[in-house]
PDB file of N, CA and C in Angstrom:
ATOM      1  N   MET A   1     -89.771  44.941 -31.863  1.00  0.00           N
ATOM      2  CA  MET A   1     -88.564  44.748 -32.677  1.00  0.00           C
ATOM      3  C   MET A   1     -88.031  46.086 -33.192  1.00  0.00           C
ATOM      4  N   ARG A   2     -88.931  47.063 -33.253  1.00  0.00           N
ATOM      5  CA  ARG A   2     -88.510  48.361 -33.802  1.00  0.00           C
ATOM      6  C   ARG A   2     -87.428  49.036 -32.939  1.00  0.00           C
ATOM      7  N   PRO A   3     -87.601  49.098 -31.599  1.00  0.00           N
ATOM      8  CA  PRO A   3     -86.553  49.731 -30.762  1.00  0.00           C
ATOM      9  C   PRO A   3     -85.206  49.026 -30.878  1.00  0.00           C
ATOM     10  N   TRP A   4     -85.221  47.677 -31.063  1.00  0.00           N
ATOM     11  CA  TRP A   4     -83.958  46.944 -31.170  1.00  0.00           C
ATOM     12  C   TRP A   4     -83.188  47.366 -32.414  1.00  0.00           C
ATOM     13  N   THR A   5     -83.905  47.533 -33.537  1.00  0.00           N
ATOM     14  CA  THR A   5     -83.213  47.933 -34.767  1.00  0.00           C
ATOM     15  C   THR A   5     -82.617  49.326 -34.596  1.00  0.00           C
ATOM     16  N   GLY A   6     -83.333  50.212 -33.906  1.00  0.00           N
ATOM     17  CA  GLY A   6     -82.825  51.564 -33.689  1.00  0.00           C
ATOM     18  C   GLY A   6     -81.593  51.554 -32.804  1.00  0.00           C
ATOM     19  N   SER A   7     -81.633  50.749 -31.734  1.00  0.00           N
ATOM     20  CA  SER A   7     -80.486  50.695 -30.824  1.00  0.00           C
ATOM     21  C   SER A   7     -79.279  50.078 -31.527  1.00  0.00           C
ATOM     22  N   TRP A   8     -79.514  49.059 -32.351  1.00  0.00           N
ATOM     23  CA  TRP A   8     -78.405  48.445 -33.091  1.00  0.00           C
ATOM     24  C   TRP A   8     -77.779  49.460 -34.036  1.00  0.00           C
ATOM     25  N   ARG A   9     -78.623  50.314 -34.607  1.00  0.00           N
ATOM     26  CA  ARG A   9     -78.102  51.343 -35.515  1.00  0.00           C
ATOM     27  C   ARG A   9     -77.202  52.307 -34.746  1.00  0.00           C
ATOM     28  N   TRP A  10     -77.613  52.661 -33.521  1.00  0.00           N
ATOM     29  CA  TRP A  10     -76.802  53.566 -32.700  1.00  0.00           C
ATOM     30  C   TRP A  10     -75.494  52.900 -32.291  1.00  0.00           C
ATOM     31  N   ILE A  11     -75.576  51.599 -31.924  1.00  0.00           N
ATOM     32  CA  ILE A  11     -74.365  50.869 -31.510  1.00  0.00           C
ATOM     33  C   ILE A  11     -73.366  50.804 -32.663  1.00  0.00           C
ATOM     34  N   MET A  12     -73.845  50.493 -33.858  1.00  0.00           N
ATOM     35  CA  MET A  12     -72.958  50.416 -35.020  1.00  0.00           C
ATOM     36  C   MET A  12     -72.361  51.786 -35.319  1.00  0.00           C
ATOM     37  N   LEU A  13     -73.156  52.844 -35.140  1.00  0.00           N
ATOM     38  CA  LEU A  13     -72.669  54.200 -35.405  1.00  0.00           C
ATOM     39  C   LEU A  13     -71.564  54.572 -34.421  1.00  0.00           C
ATOM     40  N   ILE A  14     -71.775  54.236 -33.141  1.00  0.00           N
ATOM     41  CA  ILE A  14     -70.765  54.550 -32.116  1.00  0.00           C
ATOM     42  C   ILE A  14     -69.493  53.736 -32.347  1.00  0.00           C
ATOM     43  N   LEU A  15     -69.649  52.446 -32.666  1.00  0.00           N
ATOM     44  CA  LEU A  15     -68.473  51.604 -32.928  1.00  0.00           C
ATOM     45  C   LEU A  15     -67.703  52.122 -34.135  1.00  0.00           C
ATOM     46  N   PHE A  16     -68.418  52.554 -35.166  1.00  0.00           N
ATOM     47  CA  PHE A  16     -67.760  53.074 -36.362  1.00  0.00           C
ATOM     48  C   PHE A  16     -67.022  54.370 -36.045  1.00  0.00           C
ATOM     49  N   ALA A  17     -67.636  55.218 -35.217  1.00  0.00           N
ATOM     50  CA  ALA A  17     -67.000  56.484 -34.841  1.00  0.00           C
ATOM     51  C   ALA A  17     -65.738  56.220 -34.020  1.00  0.00           C
ATOM     52  N   TRP A  18     -65.815  55.253 -33.071  1.00  0.00           N
ATOM     53  CA  TRP A  18     -64.650  54.920 -32.250  1.00  0.00           C
ATOM     54  C   TRP A  18     -63.534  54.338 -33.110  1.00  0.00           C
ATOM     55  N   GLY A  19     -63.908  53.459 -34.063  1.00  0.00           N
ATOM     56  CA  GLY A  19     -62.911  52.855 -34.942  1.00  0.00           C
ATOM     57  C   GLY A  19     -62.206  53.906 -35.782  1.00  0.00           C
ATOM     58  N   THR A  20     -62.992  54.867 -36.288  1.00  0.00           N
ATOM     59  CA  THR A  20     -62.403  55.929 -37.102  1.00  0.00           C
ATOM     60  C   THR A  20     -61.474  56.796 -36.262  1.00  0.00           C
ATOM     61  N   LEU A  21     -61.892  57.093 -35.026  1.00  0.00           N
ATOM     62  CA  LEU A  21     -61.077  57.932 -34.147  1.00  0.00           C
ATOM     63  C   LEU A  21     -59.770  57.234 -33.784  1.00  0.00           C
ATOM     64  N   LEU A  22     -59.864  55.944 -33.422  1.00  0.00           N
ATOM     65  CA  LEU A  22     -58.657  55.190 -33.064  1.00  0.00           C
ATOM     66  C   LEU A  22     -57.727  55.054 -34.266  1.00  0.00           C
ATOM     67  N   PHE A  23     -58.303  54.848 -35.452  1.00  0.00           N
ATOM     68  CA  PHE A  23     -57.490  54.723 -36.658  1.00  0.00           C
ATOM     69  C   PHE A  23     -56.798  56.052 -36.965  1.00  0.00           C
ATOM     70  N   TYR A  24     -57.506  57.174 -36.732  1.00  0.00           N
ATOM     71  CA  TYR A  24     -56.933  58.505 -36.969  1.00  0.00           C
ATOM     72  C   TYR A  24     -55.780  58.781 -36.000  1.00  0.00           C
ATOM     73  N   ILE A  25     -55.998  58.471 -34.712  1.00  0.00           N
ATOM     74  CA  ILE A  25     -54.947  58.685 -33.707  1.00  0.00           C
ATOM     75  C   ILE A  25     -53.768  57.749 -33.964  1.00  0.00           C
ATOM     76  N   GLY A  26     -54.055  56.482 -34.286  1.00  0.00           N
ATOM     77  CA  GLY A  26     -52.992  55.521 -34.559  1.00  0.00           C
ATOM     78  C   GLY A  26     -52.150  55.951 -35.750  1.00  0.00           C
ATOM     79  N   GLY A  27     -52.783  56.493 -36.770  1.00  0.00           N
ATOM     80  CA  GLY A  27     -52.050  56.959 -37.948  1.00  0.00           C
ATOM     81  C   GLY A  27     -51.119  58.102 -37.587  1.00  0.00           C
ATOM     82  N   HIS A  28     -51.568  58.993 -36.703  1.00  0.00           N
ATOM     83  CA  HIS A  28     -50.725  60.114 -36.299  1.00  0.00           C
ATOM     84  C   HIS A  28     -49.553  59.629 -35.447  1.00  0.00           C
ATOM     85  N   LEU A  29     -49.789  58.637 -34.580  1.00  0.00           N
ATOM     86  CA  LEU A  29     -48.704  58.114 -33.740  1.00  0.00           C
ATOM     87  C   LEU A  29     -47.641  57.458 -34.604  1.00  0.00           C
ATOM     88  N   VAL A  30     -48.054  56.696 -35.608  1.00  0.00           N
ATOM     89  CA  VAL A  30     -47.102  56.036 -36.503  1.00  0.00           C
ATOM     90  C   VAL A  30     -46.344  57.086 -37.301  1.00  0.00           C
ATOM     91  N   ARG A  31     -47.047  58.135 -37.714  1.00  0.00           N
ATOM     92  CA  ARG A  31     -46.407  59.187 -38.504  1.00  0.00           C
ATOM     93  C   ARG A  31     -45.360  59.911 -37.656  1.00  0.00           C
ATOM     94  N   ASP A  32     -45.647  60.116 -36.357  1.00  0.00           N
ATOM     95  CA  ASP A  32     -44.683  60.771 -35.473  1.00  0.00           C
ATOM     96  C   ASP A  32     -43.460  59.887 -35.253  1.00  0.00           C
ATOM     97  N   ASN A  33     -43.674  58.566 -35.157  1.00  0.00           N
ATOM     98  CA  ASN A  33     -42.554  57.646 -34.944  1.00  0.00           C
ATOM     99  C   ASN A  33     -41.656  57.577 -36.177  1.00  0.00           C
ATOM    100  N   ASP A  34     -42.188  57.920 -37.344  1.00  0.00           N
ATOM    101  CA  ASP A  34     -41.381  57.882 -38.565  1.00  0.00           C
ATOM    102  C   ASP A  34     -40.382  59.036 -38.596  1.00  0.00           C
ATOM    103  N   HIS A  35     -40.611  60.072 -37.780  1.00  0.00           N
ATOM    104  CA  HIS A  35     -39.707  61.225 -37.758  1.00  0.00           C
ATOM    105  C   HIS A  35     -39.146  61.395 -36.346  1.00  0.00           C
ATOM    106  N   PRO A  36     -38.099  60.657 -35.983  1.00  0.00           N
ATOM    107  CA  PRO A  36     -37.527  60.752 -34.629  1.00  0.00           C
ATOM    108  C   PRO A  36     -36.913  62.121 -34.364  1.00  0.00           C
ATOM    109  N   ASP A  37     -36.412  62.783 -35.403  1.00  0.00           N
ATOM    110  CA  ASP A  37     -35.798  64.100 -35.208  1.00  0.00           C
ATOM    111  C   ASP A  37     -36.831  65.094 -34.691  1.00  0.00           C
ATOM    112  N   HIS A  38     -38.058  65.004 -35.200  1.00  0.00           N
ATOM    113  CA  HIS A  38     -39.111  65.930 -34.786  1.00  0.00           C
ATOM    114  C   HIS A  38     -39.470  65.703 -33.316  1.00  0.00           C
ATOM    115  N   SER A  39     -39.575  64.435 -32.890  1.00  0.00           N
ATOM    116  CA  SER A  39     -39.943  64.159 -31.502  1.00  0.00           C
ATOM    117  C   SER A  39     -38.818  64.576 -30.558  1.00  0.00           C
ATOM    118  N   SER A  40     -37.570  64.287 -30.914  1.00  0.00           N
ATOM    119  CA  SER A  40     -36.453  64.644 -30.045  1.00  0.00           C
ATOM    120  C   SER A  40     -36.357  66.167 -29.936  1.00  0.00           C
ATOM    121  N   ARG A  41     -36.696  66.872 -31.003  1.00  0.00           N
ATOM    122  CA  ARG A  41     -36.648  68.328 -30.971  1.00  0.00           C
ATOM    123  C   ARG A  41     -37.723  68.855 -30.019  1.00  0.00           C
ATOM    124  N   GLU A  42     -38.889  68.188 -29.982  1.00  0.00           N
ATOM    125  CA  GLU A  42     -39.952  68.619 -29.078  1.00  0.00           C
ATOM    126  C   GLU A  42     -39.596  68.319 -27.625  1.00  0.00           C
ATOM    127  N   LEU A  43     -38.917  67.173 -27.380  1.00  0.00           N
ATOM    128  CA  LEU A  43     -38.569  66.795 -26.012  1.00  0.00           C
ATOM    129  C   LEU A  43     -37.505  67.731 -25.446  1.00  0.00           C
ATOM    130  N   SER A  44     -36.569  68.183 -26.271  1.00  0.00           N
ATOM    131  CA  SER A  44     -35.489  69.042 -25.785  1.00  0.00           C
ATOM    132  C   SER A  44     -35.874  70.505 -25.790  1.00  0.00           C
TER     133      SER A  44
END
């Protein structure tokens, strides 16, 4: 049972890291969409 608890701890850690990363990227994408002038300036 000991290895299972360790693996579950790693799985939860990886899921938490992925969730934090996706939330960080999603926040930046929403922030960029709030400023259309900035994106259009980068495209041109």
